[in-house]
């Protein structure tokens, strides 16, 4: 199981830089960069909410599940 972070895609759609997002939501550039590059193991709901509000998107636009086993089904 892999969770892909699509923050860069949503930033591009919103024509916003990581620096601008950082200033808008009060999260450090370092932490946002780690998130954008998939180097984090968790994200706070409050952080996800702030990102979604700033980028006018849904959590599912930022986080994407990818199965590493094609025979695995989520029923």
N, C-alpha and C. Protein backbone atom coordinates (compact mmCIF):
# COMPACT_ATOMS: atom_id res chain seq x y z
N UNK A 1 0.84 -1.18 0.00
CA UNK A 1 0.00 0.00 0.00
C UNK A 1 0.89 1.24 0.00
N UNK A 2 0.52 2.18 -0.83
CA UNK A 2 1.26 3.42 -0.94
C UNK A 2 0.27 4.58 -0.97
N UNK A 3 0.59 5.62 -0.23
CA UNK A 3 -0.19 6.85 -0.29
C UNK A 3 0.66 7.87 -1.04
N UNK A 4 0.16 8.33 -2.16
CA UNK A 4 0.85 9.34 -2.96
C UNK A 4 0.35 10.73 -2.56
N UNK A 5 1.27 11.66 -2.42
CA UNK A 5 0.96 13.05 -2.08
C UNK A 5 0.99 13.86 -3.37
N UNK A 6 -0.13 14.48 -3.71
CA UNK A 6 -0.24 15.26 -4.95
C UNK A 6 -0.26 16.76 -4.68
N UNK A 7 0.50 17.19 -3.69
CA UNK A 7 0.51 18.61 -3.35
C UNK A 7 1.05 19.45 -4.50
N UNK A 8 2.06 18.97 -5.19
CA UNK A 8 2.62 19.73 -6.30
C UNK A 8 1.61 19.95 -7.42
N UNK A 9 0.76 18.95 -7.66
CA UNK A 9 -0.28 19.06 -8.69
C UNK A 9 -1.28 20.14 -8.30
N UNK A 10 -1.72 20.11 -7.04
CA UNK A 10 -2.71 21.09 -6.58
C UNK A 10 -2.12 22.50 -6.53
N UNK A 11 -0.85 22.60 -6.18
CA UNK A 11 -0.20 23.91 -6.21
C UNK A 11 -0.18 24.47 -7.63
N UNK A 12 0.14 23.62 -8.59
CA UNK A 12 0.18 24.05 -9.99
C UNK A 12 -1.21 24.47 -10.47
N UNK A 13 -2.23 23.70 -10.11
CA UNK A 13 -3.60 24.05 -10.50
C UNK A 13 -4.00 25.40 -9.96
N UNK A 14 -3.56 25.69 -8.74
CA UNK A 14 -3.91 26.96 -8.10
C UNK A 14 -2.93 28.08 -8.45
N UNK A 15 -1.89 27.74 -9.23
CA UNK A 15 -0.85 28.71 -9.59
C UNK A 15 -0.27 29.38 -8.35
N UNK A 16 0.04 28.53 -7.37
CA UNK A 16 0.57 29.00 -6.09
C UNK A 16 1.92 28.34 -5.84
N UNK A 17 2.84 29.09 -5.28
CA UNK A 17 4.15 28.53 -4.93
C UNK A 17 4.09 27.92 -3.53
N UNK A 18 5.05 27.07 -3.26
CA UNK A 18 5.15 26.48 -1.93
C UNK A 18 5.39 27.57 -0.89
N UNK A 19 6.17 28.57 -1.27
CA UNK A 19 6.46 29.68 -0.36
C UNK A 19 5.18 30.46 -0.03
N UNK A 20 4.36 30.71 -1.03
CA UNK A 20 3.11 31.42 -0.80
C UNK A 20 2.17 30.60 0.08
N UNK A 21 2.06 29.30 -0.20
CA UNK A 21 1.22 28.43 0.62
C UNK A 21 1.71 28.43 2.06
N UNK A 22 3.01 28.35 2.25
CA UNK A 22 3.60 28.37 3.58
C UNK A 22 3.19 29.62 4.35
N UNK A 23 3.29 30.76 3.69
CA UNK A 23 2.91 32.02 4.34
C UNK A 23 1.42 32.10 4.62
N UNK A 24 0.62 31.58 3.69
CA UNK A 24 -0.84 31.65 3.84
C UNK A 24 -1.36 30.79 4.98
N UNK A 25 -0.75 29.63 5.20
CA UNK A 25 -1.30 28.71 6.21
C UNK A 25 -0.45 28.61 7.47
N UNK A 26 0.73 29.22 7.48
CA UNK A 26 1.55 29.22 8.69
C UNK A 26 2.26 27.91 8.96
N UNK A 27 2.55 27.16 7.92
CA UNK A 27 3.32 25.92 8.04
C UNK A 27 4.67 26.17 7.39
N UNK A 28 5.74 25.72 8.02
CA UNK A 28 7.08 26.02 7.52
C UNK A 28 7.31 25.44 6.13
N UNK A 29 8.16 26.11 5.38
CA UNK A 29 8.55 25.63 4.05
C UNK A 29 9.15 24.23 4.13
N UNK A 30 9.94 24.00 5.18
CA UNK A 30 10.57 22.69 5.36
C UNK A 30 9.53 21.60 5.48
N UNK A 31 8.53 21.81 6.34
CA UNK A 31 7.50 20.79 6.54
C UNK A 31 6.66 20.59 5.29
N UNK A 32 6.32 21.66 4.58
CA UNK A 32 5.56 21.51 3.34
C UNK A 32 6.38 20.81 2.27
N UNK A 33 7.66 21.10 2.21
CA UNK A 33 8.54 20.46 1.24
C UNK A 33 8.63 18.96 1.51
N UNK A 34 8.77 18.60 2.78
CA UNK A 34 8.81 17.18 3.14
C UNK A 34 7.51 16.49 2.75
N UNK A 35 6.38 17.16 2.98
CA UNK A 35 5.08 16.61 2.61
C UNK A 35 4.99 16.46 1.09
N UNK A 36 5.34 17.50 0.37
CA UNK A 36 5.27 17.51 -1.10
C UNK A 36 6.10 16.38 -1.70
N UNK A 37 7.23 16.09 -1.10
CA UNK A 37 8.13 15.06 -1.62
C UNK A 37 7.86 13.66 -1.05
N UNK A 38 6.77 13.53 -0.28
CA UNK A 38 6.39 12.21 0.24
C UNK A 38 7.31 11.68 1.31
N UNK A 39 7.99 12.56 2.04
CA UNK A 39 8.95 12.14 3.06
C UNK A 39 8.35 12.11 4.46
N UNK A 40 7.03 12.17 4.57
CA UNK A 40 6.38 12.17 5.88
C UNK A 40 5.60 10.88 6.08
N UNK A 41 5.40 10.51 7.32
CA UNK A 41 4.66 9.31 7.66
C UNK A 41 3.24 9.62 8.11
N UNK A 42 2.97 10.90 8.41
CA UNK A 42 1.65 11.28 8.90
C UNK A 42 1.41 12.76 8.58
N UNK A 43 0.14 13.14 8.62
CA UNK A 43 -0.23 14.54 8.46
C UNK A 43 -1.39 14.82 9.41
N UNK A 44 -1.33 15.95 10.08
CA UNK A 44 -2.42 16.33 10.98
C UNK A 44 -3.62 16.77 10.15
N UNK A 45 -4.80 16.45 10.66
CA UNK A 45 -6.01 16.88 9.97
C UNK A 45 -6.07 18.40 9.88
N UNK A 46 -5.58 19.09 10.88
CA UNK A 46 -5.60 20.56 10.85
C UNK A 46 -4.71 21.09 9.73
N UNK A 47 -3.58 20.42 9.48
CA UNK A 47 -2.69 20.82 8.38
C UNK A 47 -3.36 20.53 7.04
N UNK A 48 -3.95 19.36 6.91
CA UNK A 48 -4.64 18.99 5.67
C UNK A 48 -5.80 19.95 5.41
N UNK A 49 -6.53 20.30 6.46
CA UNK A 49 -7.64 21.24 6.32
C UNK A 49 -7.14 22.61 5.84
N UNK A 50 -6.05 23.09 6.42
CA UNK A 50 -5.50 24.39 6.03
C UNK A 50 -5.04 24.38 4.57
N UNK A 51 -4.40 23.29 4.15
CA UNK A 51 -3.95 23.17 2.76
C UNK A 51 -5.15 23.16 1.82
N UNK A 52 -6.15 22.36 2.15
CA UNK A 52 -7.34 22.27 1.30
C UNK A 52 -8.07 23.61 1.22
N UNK A 53 -8.13 24.32 2.32
CA UNK A 53 -8.80 25.62 2.32
C UNK A 53 -8.03 26.61 1.44
N UNK A 54 -6.71 26.63 1.56
CA UNK A 54 -5.88 27.56 0.79
C UNK A 54 -5.89 27.24 -0.70
N UNK A 55 -5.93 25.95 -1.04
CA UNK A 55 -5.89 25.53 -2.43
C UNK A 55 -7.27 25.27 -3.02
N UNK A 56 -8.31 25.44 -2.20
CA UNK A 56 -9.70 25.22 -2.62
C UNK A 56 -9.85 23.83 -3.26
N UNK A 57 -9.43 22.81 -2.48
CA UNK A 57 -9.51 21.43 -2.97
C UNK A 57 -10.01 20.52 -1.86
N UNK A 58 -10.13 19.26 -2.17
CA UNK A 58 -10.58 18.24 -1.21
C UNK A 58 -9.37 17.40 -0.77
N UNK A 59 -9.45 16.76 0.42
CA UNK A 59 -8.34 15.91 0.86
C UNK A 59 -7.96 14.84 -0.16
N UNK A 60 -8.95 14.31 -0.87
CA UNK A 60 -8.70 13.30 -1.89
C UNK A 60 -7.93 13.83 -3.09
N UNK A 61 -7.90 15.15 -3.25
CA UNK A 61 -7.10 15.75 -4.31
C UNK A 61 -5.62 15.75 -3.92
N UNK A 62 -5.36 15.77 -2.62
CA UNK A 62 -3.98 15.81 -2.10
C UNK A 62 -3.44 14.40 -1.87
N UNK A 63 -4.27 13.51 -1.32
CA UNK A 63 -3.85 12.16 -0.96
C UNK A 63 -4.46 11.14 -1.91
N UNK A 64 -3.64 10.24 -2.42
CA UNK A 64 -4.11 9.22 -3.35
C UNK A 64 -3.58 7.86 -2.92
N UNK A 65 -4.48 6.89 -2.76
CA UNK A 65 -4.10 5.53 -2.39
C UNK A 65 -3.73 4.75 -3.63
N UNK A 66 -2.62 4.04 -3.57
CA UNK A 66 -2.21 3.14 -4.64
C UNK A 66 -1.89 1.78 -4.05
N UNK A 67 -2.56 0.78 -4.52
CA UNK A 67 -2.32 -0.58 -4.05
C UNK A 67 -1.04 -1.12 -4.66
N UNK A 68 -0.21 -1.75 -3.83
CA UNK A 68 1.01 -2.37 -4.34
C UNK A 68 0.74 -3.81 -4.76
N UNK A 69 -0.45 -4.30 -4.42
CA UNK A 69 -0.87 -5.65 -4.80
C UNK A 69 -2.12 -5.53 -5.67
N UNK A 70 -2.01 -5.82 -6.96
CA UNK A 70 -3.17 -5.64 -7.85
C UNK A 70 -4.35 -6.54 -7.51
N UNK A 71 -4.14 -7.58 -6.69
CA UNK A 71 -5.23 -8.48 -6.32
C UNK A 71 -5.95 -8.05 -5.05
N UNK A 72 -5.50 -6.97 -4.43
CA UNK A 72 -6.11 -6.48 -3.20
C UNK A 72 -7.30 -5.62 -3.55
N UNK A 73 -8.43 -5.90 -2.91
CA UNK A 73 -9.66 -5.11 -3.13
C UNK A 73 -10.10 -4.53 -1.81
N UNK A 74 -10.61 -3.33 -1.83
CA UNK A 74 -11.15 -2.69 -0.64
C UNK A 74 -12.66 -2.80 -0.70
N UNK A 75 -13.21 -3.86 -0.12
CA UNK A 75 -14.68 -4.06 -0.11
C UNK A 75 -15.28 -3.58 1.16
